[in-house]
Structure formats: structure tokens, C-alpha cells
Amino acid sequence: MDLSEWRARIDSVDQQLVDLLNERMLYVLEIGRLKRQHGRPVQDRERERAILERLSAYNQGPLSTQAIEDLFTRIIQEARNLEERETP
């Protein structure tokens, strides 16, 4: 396989990642609606910590555990930002 074929594979995976991230954010919006209905705060530090621990334990590499934690910390931050923008 040549360089262009490898890059095409990466491009495909990148598009899948964008689709999955947007799907995740749609779920975040629904969770935000449920939280508002029940008077719960946007941020749940315990849940965020549990997500990072679960994904770090799941990780088999080649990404480091720190890289996984950094990536998902940012994803969680963006989810929280989205949820806060949707709060009336």
C-alpha cells in the first residue's frame, strides 16, 4: 500500500471520528435536557472522573493513557460547553 492509500484510510477514519463525536454531542444535549428537568447541574465531576478512568483502563495503545485522558478531557469540556449553551 502506498502513502496515498494510507492517507485515504486516515481521511476515512477522521470522518468517522467526526460523525461519532457529533453523535456523542447529540446524546449530551438530551442528557442536558434531562438534567434541566430534574434541576441537576451541568457538571458532574464524579461522572467525568469515572469516564476517564474507564477509558484509560480500556486503552490498549498505541496511544498512551495520558493521551487518552487528554483527548477525552477536551471532549468532555466541549460537551459541557455545549450543554451550558443549551441551558436557558
PDB file of N, CA and C in Angstrom:
ATOM      1  N   MET A   1       0.858  -1.174   0.000  1.00  0.00           N
ATOM      2  CA  MET A   1       0.000   0.000   0.000  1.00  0.00           C
ATOM      3  C   MET A   1       0.904   1.238   0.000  1.00  0.00           C
ATOM      4  N   ASP A   2       0.548   2.213  -0.805  1.00  0.00           N
ATOM      5  CA  ASP A   2       1.388   3.409  -0.875  1.00  0.00           C
ATOM      6  C   ASP A   2       0.863   4.504   0.051  1.00  0.00           C
ATOM      7  N   LEU A   3       1.601   5.589   0.109  1.00  0.00           N
ATOM      8  CA  LEU A   3       1.300   6.690   1.015  1.00  0.00           C
ATOM      9  C   LEU A   3      -0.111   7.242   0.805  1.00  0.00           C
ATOM     10  N   SER A   4      -0.507   7.415  -0.432  1.00  0.00           N
ATOM     11  CA  SER A   4      -1.834   7.994  -0.696  1.00  0.00           C
ATOM     12  C   SER A   4      -2.950   7.071  -0.205  1.00  0.00           C
ATOM     13  N   GLU A   5      -2.735   5.776  -0.292  1.00  0.00           N
ATOM     14  CA  GLU A   5      -3.755   4.834   0.201  1.00  0.00           C
ATOM     15  C   GLU A   5      -3.849   4.888   1.730  1.00  0.00           C
ATOM     16  N   TRP A   6      -2.707   4.993   2.401  1.00  0.00           N
ATOM     17  CA  TRP A   6      -2.722   5.121   3.863  1.00  0.00           C
ATOM     18  C   TRP A   6      -3.411   6.427   4.269  1.00  0.00           C
ATOM     19  N   ARG A   7      -3.118   7.490   3.545  1.00  0.00           N
ATOM     20  CA  ARG A   7      -3.749   8.776   3.858  1.00  0.00           C
ATOM     21  C   ARG A   7      -5.254   8.730   3.610  1.00  0.00           C
ATOM     22  N   ALA A   8      -5.684   8.036   2.587  1.00  0.00           N
ATOM     23  CA  ALA A   8      -7.118   7.882   2.320  1.00  0.00           C
ATOM     24  C   ALA A   8      -7.789   7.133   3.472  1.00  0.00           C
ATOM     25  N   ARG A   9      -7.113   6.137   4.005  1.00  0.00           N
ATOM     26  CA  ARG A   9      -7.655   5.406   5.161  1.00  0.00           C
ATOM     27  C   ARG A   9      -7.781   6.339   6.369  1.00  0.00           C
ATOM     28  N   ILE A  10      -6.753   7.150   6.596  1.00  0.00           N
ATOM     29  CA  ILE A  10      -6.805   8.103   7.701  1.00  0.00           C
ATOM     30  C   ILE A  10      -7.945   9.093   7.503  1.00  0.00           C
ATOM     31  N   ASP A  11      -8.110   9.583   6.276  1.00  0.00           N
ATOM     32  CA  ASP A  11      -9.208  10.513   5.982  1.00  0.00           C
ATOM     33  C   ASP A  11     -10.556   9.882   6.310  1.00  0.00           C
ATOM     34  N   SER A  12     -10.724   8.624   5.979  1.00  0.00           N
ATOM     35  CA  SER A  12     -11.961   7.913   6.261  1.00  0.00           C
ATOM     36  C   SER A  12     -12.199   7.790   7.767  1.00  0.00           C
ATOM     37  N   VAL A  13     -11.160   7.429   8.489  1.00  0.00           N
ATOM     38  CA  VAL A  13     -11.267   7.314   9.948  1.00  0.00           C
ATOM     39  C   VAL A  13     -11.574   8.673  10.565  1.00  0.00           C
ATOM     40  N   ASP A  14     -10.934   9.732  10.065  1.00  0.00           N
ATOM     41  CA  ASP A  14     -11.196  11.081  10.574  1.00  0.00           C
ATOM     42  C   ASP A  14     -12.668  11.447  10.413  1.00  0.00           C
ATOM     43  N   GLN A  15     -13.244  11.114   9.257  1.00  0.00           N
ATOM     44  CA  GLN A  15     -14.660  11.410   9.035  1.00  0.00           C
ATOM     45  C   GLN A  15     -15.542  10.606   9.992  1.00  0.00           C
ATOM     46  N   GLN A  16     -15.178   9.358  10.234  1.00  0.00           N
ATOM     47  CA  GLN A  16     -15.925   8.538  11.189  1.00  0.00           C
ATOM     48  C   GLN A  16     -15.840   9.130  12.595  1.00  0.00           C
ATOM     49  N   LEU A  17     -14.660   9.613  12.960  1.00  0.00           N
ATOM     50  CA  LEU A  17     -14.496  10.237  14.272  1.00  0.00           C
ATOM     51  C   LEU A  17     -15.385  11.467  14.419  1.00  0.00           C
ATOM     52  N   VAL A  18     -15.439  12.294  13.386  1.00  0.00           N
ATOM     53  CA  VAL A  18     -16.306  13.477  13.426  1.00  0.00           C
ATOM     54  C   VAL A  18     -17.764  13.052  13.581  1.00  0.00           C
ATOM     55  N   ASP A  19     -18.186  12.054  12.822  1.00  0.00           N
ATOM     56  CA  ASP A  19     -19.557  11.561  12.935  1.00  0.00           C
ATOM     57  C   ASP A  19     -19.848  11.057  14.347  1.00  0.00           C
ATOM     58  N   LEU A  20     -18.927  10.300  14.908  1.00  0.00           N
ATOM     59  CA  LEU A  20     -19.121   9.749  16.253  1.00  0.00           C
ATOM     60  C   LEU A  20     -19.112  10.850  17.317  1.00  0.00           C
ATOM     61  N   LEU A  21     -18.245  11.821  17.167  1.00  0.00           N
ATOM     62  CA  LEU A  21     -18.226  12.928  18.126  1.00  0.00           C
ATOM     63  C   LEU A  21     -19.536  13.711  18.075  1.00  0.00           C
ATOM     64  N   ASN A  22     -20.041  13.950  16.880  1.00  0.00           N
ATOM     65  CA  ASN A  22     -21.319  14.649  16.772  1.00  0.00           C
ATOM     66  C   ASN A  22     -22.466  13.814  17.328  1.00  0.00           C
ATOM     67  N   GLU A  23     -22.424  12.511  17.126  1.00  0.00           N
ATOM     68  CA  GLU A  23     -23.435  11.634  17.715  1.00  0.00           C
ATOM     69  C   GLU A  23     -23.365  11.716  19.243  1.00  0.00           C
ATOM     70  N   ARG A  24     -22.154  11.689  19.784  1.00  0.00           N
ATOM     71  CA  ARG A  24     -21.978  11.810  21.235  1.00  0.00           C
ATOM     72  C   ARG A  24     -22.578  13.125  21.740  1.00  0.00           C
ATOM     73  N   MET A  25     -22.360  14.203  21.004  1.00  0.00           N
ATOM     74  CA  MET A  25     -22.862  15.513  21.421  1.00  0.00           C
ATOM     75  C   MET A  25     -24.387  15.588  21.357  1.00  0.00           C
ATOM     76  N   LEU A  26     -25.003  14.864  20.445  1.00  0.00           N
ATOM     77  CA  LEU A  26     -26.471  14.804  20.431  1.00  0.00           C
ATOM     78  C   LEU A  26     -26.980  14.142  21.719  1.00  0.00           C
ATOM     79  N   TYR A  27     -26.275  13.115  22.172  1.00  0.00           N
ATOM     80  CA  TYR A  27     -26.631  12.467  23.437  1.00  0.00           C
ATOM     81  C   TYR A  27     -26.430  13.432  24.605  1.00  0.00           C
ATOM     82  N   VAL A  28     -25.363  14.216  24.540  1.00  0.00           N
ATOM     83  CA  VAL A  28     -25.088  15.215  25.573  1.00  0.00           C
ATOM     84  C   VAL A  28     -26.237  16.215  25.657  1.00  0.00           C
ATOM     85  N   LEU A  29     -26.730  16.645  24.513  1.00  0.00           N
ATOM     86  CA  LEU A  29     -27.848  17.597  24.516  1.00  0.00           C
ATOM     87  C   LEU A  29     -29.082  16.998  25.172  1.00  0.00           C
ATOM     88  N   GLU A  30     -29.349  15.734  24.909  1.00  0.00           N
ATOM     89  CA  GLU A  30     -30.504  15.081  25.532  1.00  0.00           C
ATOM     90  C   GLU A  30     -30.294  14.942  27.041  1.00  0.00           C
ATOM     91  N   ILE A  31     -29.095  14.581  27.442  1.00  0.00           N
ATOM     92  CA  ILE A  31     -28.787  14.484  28.868  1.00  0.00           C
ATOM     93  C   ILE A  31     -28.954  15.853  29.522  1.00  0.00           C
ATOM     94  N   GLY A  32     -28.528  16.905  28.830  1.00  0.00           N
ATOM     95  CA  GLY A  32     -28.698  18.263  29.354  1.00  0.00           C
ATOM     96  C   GLY A  32     -30.159  18.603  29.589  1.00  0.00           C
ATOM     97  N   ARG A  33     -31.013  18.195  28.668  1.00  0.00           N
ATOM     98  CA  ARG A  33     -32.450  18.435  28.836  1.00  0.00           C
ATOM     99  C   ARG A  33     -32.979  17.708  30.080  1.00  0.00           C
ATOM    100  N   LEU A  34     -32.550  16.475  30.255  1.00  0.00           N
ATOM    101  CA  LEU A  34     -32.976  15.707  31.427  1.00  0.00           C
ATOM    102  C   LEU A  34     -32.459  16.329  32.718  1.00  0.00           C
ATOM    103  N   LYS A  35     -31.230  16.782  32.705  1.00  0.00           N
ATOM    104  CA  LYS A  35     -30.671  17.440  33.892  1.00  0.00           C
ATOM    105  C   LYS A  35     -31.481  18.688  34.244  1.00  0.00           C
ATOM    106  N   ARG A  36     -31.803  19.498  33.238  1.00  0.00           N
ATOM    107  CA  ARG A  36     -32.592  20.711  33.482  1.00  0.00           C
ATOM    108  C   ARG A  36     -33.953  20.362  34.062  1.00  0.00           C
ATOM    109  N   GLN A  37     -34.588  19.331  33.537  1.00  0.00           N
ATOM    110  CA  GLN A  37     -35.902  18.924  34.037  1.00  0.00           C
ATOM    111  C   GLN A  37     -35.849  18.519  35.509  1.00  0.00           C
ATOM    112  N   HIS A  38     -34.710  17.974  35.925  1.00  0.00           N
ATOM    113  CA  HIS A  38     -34.567  17.489  37.295  1.00  0.00           C
ATOM    114  C   HIS A  38     -33.746  18.431  38.174  1.00  0.00           C
ATOM    115  N   GLY A  39     -33.438  19.613  37.654  1.00  0.00           N
ATOM    116  CA  GLY A  39     -32.720  20.615  38.425  1.00  0.00           C
ATOM    117  C   GLY A  39     -31.296  20.223  38.796  1.00  0.00           C
ATOM    118  N   ARG A  40     -30.680  19.443  37.958  1.00  0.00           N
ATOM    119  CA  ARG A  40     -29.309  18.998  38.217  1.00  0.00           C
ATOM    120  C   ARG A  40     -28.310  19.907  37.511  1.00  0.00           C
ATOM    121  N   PRO A  41     -27.117  20.058  38.088  1.00  0.00           N
ATOM    122  CA  PRO A  41     -26.107  20.907  37.455  1.00  0.00           C
ATOM    123  C   PRO A  41     -25.530  20.263  36.200  1.00  0.00           C
ATOM    124  N   VAL A  42     -24.968  21.096  35.333  1.00  0.00           N
ATOM    125  CA  VAL A  42     -24.355  20.607  34.099  1.00  0.00           C
ATOM    126  C   VAL A  42     -23.168  19.712  34.416  1.00  0.00           C
ATOM    127  N   GLN A  43     -22.273  20.205  35.271  1.00  0.00           N
ATOM    128  CA  GLN A  43     -21.041  19.463  35.534  1.00  0.00           C
ATOM    129  C   GLN A  43     -21.251  18.407  36.617  1.00  0.00           C
ATOM    130  N   ASP A  44     -20.745  17.216  36.334  1.00  0.00           N
ATOM    131  CA  ASP A  44     -20.763  16.104  37.278  1.00  0.00           C
ATOM    132  C   ASP A  44     -19.338  15.554  37.337  1.00  0.00           C
ATOM    133  N   ARG A  45     -18.553  16.109  38.248  1.00  0.00           N
ATOM    134  CA  ARG A  45     -17.131  15.751  38.329  1.00  0.00           C
ATOM    135  C   ARG A  45     -16.915  14.258  38.563  1.00  0.00           C
ATOM    136  N   GLU A  46     -17.782  13.655  39.340  1.00  0.00           N
ATOM    137  CA  GLU A  46     -17.649  12.219  39.601  1.00  0.00           C
ATOM    138  C   GLU A  46     -17.838  11.409  38.325  1.00  0.00           C
ATOM    139  N   ARG A  47     -18.828  11.763  37.532  1.00  0.00           N
ATOM    140  CA  ARG A  47     -19.069  11.083  36.257  1.00  0.00           C
ATOM    141  C   ARG A  47     -17.891  11.296  35.300  1.00  0.00           C
ATOM    142  N   GLU A  48     -17.387  12.527  35.239  1.00  0.00           N
ATOM    143  CA  GLU A  48     -16.258  12.816  34.360  1.00  0.00           C
ATOM    144  C   GLU A  48     -15.039  11.992  34.762  1.00  0.00           C
ATOM    145  N   ARG A  49     -14.765  11.910  36.060  1.00  0.00           N
ATOM    146  CA  ARG A  49     -13.641  11.117  36.545  1.00  0.00           C
ATOM    147  C   ARG A  49     -13.828   9.648  36.190  1.00  0.00           C
ATOM    148  N   ALA A  50     -15.063   9.142  36.348  1.00  0.00           N
ATOM    149  CA  ALA A  50     -15.355   7.741  36.039  1.00  0.00           C
ATOM    150  C   ALA A  50     -15.141   7.446  34.547  1.00  0.00           C
ATOM    151  N   ILE A  51     -15.530   8.379  33.690  1.00  0.00           N
ATOM    152  CA  ILE A  51     -15.329   8.203  32.245  1.00  0.00           C
ATOM    153  C   ILE A  51     -13.838   8.077  31.940  1.00  0.00           C
ATOM    154  N   LEU A  52     -13.050   8.993  32.484  1.00  0.00           N
ATOM    155  CA  LEU A  52     -11.607   8.974  32.224  1.00  0.00           C
ATOM    156  C   LEU A  52     -10.963   7.692  32.751  1.00  0.00           C
ATOM    157  N   GLU A  53     -11.375   7.251  33.914  1.00  0.00           N
ATOM    158  CA  GLU A  53     -10.825   6.012  34.480  1.00  0.00           C
ATOM    159  C   GLU A  53     -11.204   4.809  33.620  1.00  0.00           C
ATOM    160  N   ARG A  54     -12.463   4.756  33.198  1.00  0.00           N
ATOM    161  CA  ARG A  54     -12.930   3.627  32.388  1.00  0.00           C
ATOM    162  C   ARG A  54     -12.199   3.564  31.051  1.00  0.00           C
ATOM    163  N   LEU A  55     -12.066   4.710  30.392  1.00  0.00           N
ATOM    164  CA  LEU A  55     -11.400   4.736  29.090  1.00  0.00           C
ATOM    165  C   LEU A  55      -9.904   4.482  29.204  1.00  0.00           C
ATOM    166  N   SER A  56      -9.289   4.962  30.263  1.00  0.00           N
ATOM    167  CA  SER A  56      -7.870   4.692  30.485  1.00  0.00           C
ATOM    168  C   SER A  56      -7.639   3.207  30.689  1.00  0.00           C
ATOM    169  N   ALA A  57      -8.518   2.559  31.430  1.00  0.00           N
ATOM    170  CA  ALA A  57      -8.397   1.115  31.658  1.00  0.00           C
ATOM    171  C   ALA A  57      -8.655   0.335  30.371  1.00  0.00           C
ATOM    172  N   TYR A  58      -9.547   0.836  29.536  1.00  0.00           N
ATOM    173  CA  TYR A  58      -9.885   0.175  28.271  1.00  0.00           C
ATOM    174  C   TYR A  58      -8.764   0.285  27.250  1.00  0.00           C
ATOM    175  N   ASN A  59      -8.016   1.375  27.295  1.00  0.00           N
ATOM    176  CA  ASN A  59      -6.991   1.665  26.292  1.00  0.00           C
ATOM    177  C   ASN A  59      -5.944   0.562  26.207  1.00  0.00           C
ATOM    178  N   GLN A  60      -5.709   0.094  24.979  1.00  0.00           N
ATOM    179  CA  GLN A  60      -4.688  -0.915  24.718  1.00  0.00           C
ATOM    180  C   GLN A  60      -3.533  -0.366  23.873  1.00  0.00           C
ATOM    181  N   GLY A  61      -3.538   0.957  23.618  1.00  0.00           N
ATOM    182  CA  GLY A  61      -2.461   1.560  22.847  1.00  0.00           C
ATOM    183  C   GLY A  61      -2.667   1.407  21.356  1.00  0.00           C
ATOM    184  N   PRO A  62      -1.860   2.028  20.567  1.00  0.00           N
ATOM    185  CA  PRO A  62      -0.576   2.603  20.924  1.00  0.00           C
ATOM    186  C   PRO A  62      -0.645   3.975  21.602  1.00  0.00           C
ATOM    187  N   LEU A  63      -1.816   4.599  21.697  1.00  0.00           N
ATOM    188  CA  LEU A  63      -1.897   5.860  22.429  1.00  0.00           C
ATOM    189  C   LEU A  63      -1.632   5.609  23.910  1.00  0.00           C
ATOM    190  N   SER A  64      -0.938   6.536  24.534  1.00  0.00           N
ATOM    191  CA  SER A  64      -0.683   6.420  25.968  1.00  0.00           C
ATOM    192  C   SER A  64      -1.955   6.716  26.750  1.00  0.00           C
ATOM    193  N   THR A  65      -1.968   6.264  27.980  1.00  0.00           N
ATOM    194  CA  THR A  65      -3.095   6.562  28.870  1.00  0.00           C
ATOM    195  C   THR A  65      -3.237   8.069  29.022  1.00  0.00           C
ATOM    196  N   GLN A  66      -2.125   8.768  29.136  1.00  0.00           N
ATOM    197  CA  GLN A  66      -2.175  10.228  29.270  1.00  0.00           C
ATOM    198  C   GLN A  66      -2.806  10.872  28.035  1.00  0.00           C
ATOM    199  N   ALA A  67      -2.474  10.361  26.865  1.00  0.00           N
ATOM    200  CA  ALA A  67      -3.066  10.901  25.636  1.00  0.00           C
ATOM    201  C   ALA A  67      -4.579  10.684  25.624  1.00  0.00           C
ATOM    202  N   ILE A  68      -5.018   9.506  26.028  1.00  0.00           N
ATOM    203  CA  ILE A  68      -6.458   9.221  26.096  1.00  0.00           C
ATOM    204  C   ILE A  68      -7.131  10.178  27.073  1.00  0.00           C
ATOM    205  N   GLU A  69      -6.534  10.342  28.243  1.00  0.00           N
ATOM    206  CA  GLU A  69      -7.102  11.253  29.243  1.00  0.00           C
ATOM    207  C   GLU A  69      -7.152  12.681  28.713  1.00  0.00           C
ATOM    208  N   ASP A  70      -6.088  13.126  28.046  1.00  0.00           N
ATOM    209  CA  ASP A  70      -6.069  14.479  27.484  1.00  0.00           C
ATOM    210  C   ASP A  70      -7.144  14.664  26.420  1.00  0.00           C
ATOM    211  N   LEU A  71      -7.259  13.707  25.514  1.00  0.00           N
ATOM    212  CA  LEU A  71      -8.267  13.801  24.453  1.00  0.00           C
ATOM    213  C   LEU A  71      -9.677  13.829  25.024  1.00  0.00           C
ATOM    214  N   PHE A  72      -9.955  12.924  25.952  1.00  0.00           N
ATOM    215  CA  PHE A  72     -11.315  12.856  26.489  1.00  0.00           C
ATOM    216  C   PHE A  72     -11.616  13.980  27.470  1.00  0.00           C
ATOM    217  N   THR A  73     -10.598  14.527  28.112  1.00  0.00           N
ATOM    218  CA  THR A  73     -10.820  15.718  28.932  1.00  0.00           C
ATOM    219  C   THR A  73     -11.322  16.846  28.037  1.00  0.00           C
ATOM    220  N   ARG A  74     -10.726  16.974  26.867  1.00  0.00           N
ATOM    221  CA  ARG A  74     -11.153  18.015  25.930  1.00  0.00           C
ATOM    222  C   ARG A  74     -12.554  17.729  25.380  1.00  0.00           C
ATOM    223  N   ILE A  75     -12.836  16.479  25.050  1.00  0.00           N
ATOM    224  CA  ILE A  75     -14.172  16.116  24.553  1.00  0.00           C
ATOM    225  C   ILE A  75     -15.220  16.412  25.616  1.00  0.00           C
ATOM    226  N   ILE A  76     -14.933  16.066  26.852  1.00  0.00           N
ATOM    227  CA  ILE A  76     -15.863  16.325  27.957  1.00  0.00           C
ATOM    228  C   ILE A  76     -16.053  17.823  28.144  1.00  0.00           C
ATOM    229  N   GLN A  77     -14.972  18.581  28.043  1.00  0.00           N
ATOM    230  CA  GLN A  77     -15.068  20.036  28.161  1.00  0.00           C
ATOM    231  C   GLN A  77     -15.968  20.614  27.068  1.00  0.00           C
ATOM    232  N   GLU A  78     -15.812  20.158  25.846  1.00  0.00           N
ATOM    233  CA  GLU A  78     -16.655  20.635  24.751  1.00  0.00           C
ATOM    234  C   GLU A  78     -18.109  20.222  24.952  1.00  0.00           C
ATOM    235  N   ALA A  79     -18.312  19.028  25.485  1.00  0.00           N
ATOM    236  CA  ALA A  79     -19.677  18.569  25.768  1.00  0.00           C
ATOM    237  C   ALA A  79     -20.316  19.461  26.830  1.00  0.00           C
ATOM    238  N   ARG A  80     -19.555  19.776  27.874  1.00  0.00           N
ATOM    239  CA  ARG A  80     -20.064  20.639  28.933  1.00  0.00           C
ATOM    240  C   ARG A  80     -20.378  22.025  28.374  1.00  0.00           C
ATOM    241  N   ASN A  81     -19.496  22.550  27.527  1.00  0.00           N
ATOM    242  CA  ASN A  81     -19.742  23.861  26.907  1.00  0.00           C
ATOM    243  C   ASN A  81     -21.026  23.844  26.085  1.00  0.00           C
ATOM    244  N   LEU A  82     -21.225  22.794  25.316  1.00  0.00           N
ATOM    245  CA  LEU A  82     -22.432  22.665  24.501  1.00  0.00           C
ATOM    246  C   LEU A  82     -23.666  22.600  25.396  1.00  0.00           C
ATOM    247  N   GLU A  83     -23.577  21.804  26.433  1.00  0.00           N
ATOM    248  CA  GLU A  83     -24.706  21.647  27.352  1.00  0.00           C
ATOM    249  C   GLU A  83     -25.034  22.981  28.041  1.00  0.00           C
ATOM    250  N   GLU A  84     -24.009  23.727  28.415  1.00  0.00           N
ATOM    251  CA  GLU A  84     -24.227  25.026  29.065  1.00  0.00           C
ATOM    252  C   GLU A  84     -24.855  26.029  28.107  1.00  0.00           C
ATOM    253  N   ARG A  85     -24.446  25.994  26.835  1.00  0.00           N
ATOM    254  CA  ARG A  85     -25.042  26.923  25.849  1.00  0.00           C
ATOM    255  C   ARG A  85     -26.523  26.619  25.629  1.00  0.00           C
ATOM    256  N   GLU A  86     -26.902  25.370  25.808  1.00  0.00           N
ATOM    257  CA  GLU A  86     -28.295  24.976  25.598  1.00  0.00           C
ATOM    258  C   GLU A  86     -29.169  25.231  26.823  1.00  0.00           C
ATOM    259  N   THR A  87     -28.540  25.579  27.947  1.00  0.00           N
ATOM    260  CA  THR A  87     -29.294  25.837  29.165  1.00  0.00           C
ATOM    261  C   THR A  87     -29.933  27.212  29.083  1.00  0.00           C
ATOM    262  N   PRO A  88     -31.258  27.264  29.281  1.00  0.00           N
ATOM    263  CA  PRO A  88     -31.944  28.575  29.188  1.00  0.00           C
ATOM    264  C   PRO A  88     -31.588  29.490  30.337  1.00  0.00           C
TER     265      PRO A  88
END
